[in-house]
Amino acid sequence: MQDSFSPVKLSVVDESHLHIGHAGSNDDGESHFFIEIISPDFVGKTRVAAHRLINDALSGEFETGLHALRLKTGTP
């Protein structure tokens, strides 16, 4: 994330413990995250477009156990 978007602010919180027993959770955790990111790369983009950029950047993580993201995006 740091290299992909040059964020002004980046916060990543593992919220997997809040989803134990829900779809996509696993015993190892690291399946549900909250990411707050403020980046100039999102200027002129809709919230959906910014979220798609993040999902695309993390596509490899989705293939290896990441199940869900809760995102808060913004511009400086």
Protein backbone atom coordinates (compact mmCIF):
# COMPACT_ATOMS: atom_id res chain seq x y z
CA MET A 1 0.00 0.00 0.00
CA GLN A 2 2.76 2.41 0.93
CA ASP A 3 4.53 1.93 -2.42
CA SER A 4 1.36 1.75 -4.51
CA PHE A 5 -0.41 4.91 -3.40
CA SER A 6 2.17 7.17 -1.66
CA PRO A 7 -0.34 7.78 1.14
CA VAL A 8 -0.34 10.85 3.33
CA LYS A 9 -2.04 8.67 5.96
CA LEU A 10 -2.24 4.90 6.15
CA SER A 11 -3.76 2.84 8.94
CA VAL A 12 -4.27 -0.92 8.72
CA VAL A 13 -6.18 -2.71 11.49
CA ASP A 14 -6.76 -6.46 11.64
CA GLU A 15 -10.43 -6.91 12.57
CA SER A 16 -10.50 -10.67 12.06
CA HIS A 17 -11.34 -11.30 15.72
CA LEU A 18 -14.66 -9.50 15.15
CA HIS A 19 -15.65 -12.04 12.49
CA ILE A 20 -14.89 -15.37 14.16
CA GLY A 21 -17.46 -17.88 12.96
CA HIS A 22 -18.57 -15.71 10.05
CA ALA A 23 -18.07 -16.50 6.38
CA GLY A 24 -14.48 -16.15 5.29
CA SER A 25 -12.95 -16.18 8.75
CA ASN A 26 -10.18 -18.64 9.47
CA ASP A 27 -8.38 -19.82 12.58
CA ASP A 28 -5.19 -17.98 11.62
CA GLY A 29 -6.92 -14.59 11.54
CA GLU A 30 -5.76 -11.98 9.04
CA SER A 31 -8.93 -12.35 6.99
CA HIS A 32 -10.76 -9.07 7.72
CA PHE A 33 -9.09 -5.67 7.76
CA PHE A 34 -9.98 -2.01 8.12
CA ILE A 35 -7.81 0.27 6.00
CA GLU A 36 -7.90 4.03 6.23
CA ILE A 37 -5.87 5.66 3.47
CA ILE A 38 -5.50 9.26 2.36
CA SER A 39 -3.72 9.52 -0.98
CA PRO A 40 -3.31 12.02 -3.81
CA ASP A 41 -3.90 9.08 -6.18
CA PHE A 42 -7.61 9.29 -5.33
CA VAL A 43 -8.03 12.91 -6.47
CA GLY A 44 -10.84 13.07 -9.04
CA LYS A 45 -11.91 9.48 -8.40
CA THR A 46 -15.19 8.34 -6.93
CA ARG A 47 -15.18 6.36 -3.69
CA VAL A 48 -15.97 3.21 -5.68
CA ALA A 49 -13.06 3.86 -8.07
CA ALA A 50 -10.67 4.36 -5.12
CA HIS A 51 -11.89 1.14 -3.51
CA ARG A 52 -11.38 -0.74 -6.79
CA LEU A 53 -7.78 0.51 -6.97
CA ILE A 54 -7.14 -0.83 -3.48
CA ASN A 55 -8.83 -4.16 -4.21
CA ASP A 56 -6.75 -4.50 -7.38
CA ALA A 57 -3.54 -3.71 -5.47
CA LEU A 58 -4.41 -6.42 -2.94
CA SER A 59 -5.61 -9.05 -5.42
CA GLY A 60 -2.79 -11.41 -4.44
CA GLU A 61 -3.79 -11.13 -0.80
CA PHE A 62 -7.39 -12.04 -1.66
CA GLU A 63 -6.06 -15.19 -3.33
CA THR A 64 -4.20 -16.23 -0.16
CA GLY A 65 -6.74 -15.70 2.62
CA LEU A 66 -7.85 -12.08 2.75
CA HIS A 67 -11.63 -12.18 2.78
CA ALA A 68 -12.92 -8.66 3.42
CA LEU A 69 -11.85 -5.05 3.63
CA ARG A 70 -13.55 -2.17 5.33
CA LEU A 71 -12.20 0.93 3.63
CA LYS A 72 -12.11 4.62 4.36
CA THR A 73 -10.45 6.56 1.57
CA GLY A 74 -9.82 10.23 1.04
CA THR A 75 -7.64 12.85 -0.59
CA PRO A 76 -5.23 15.30 1.04
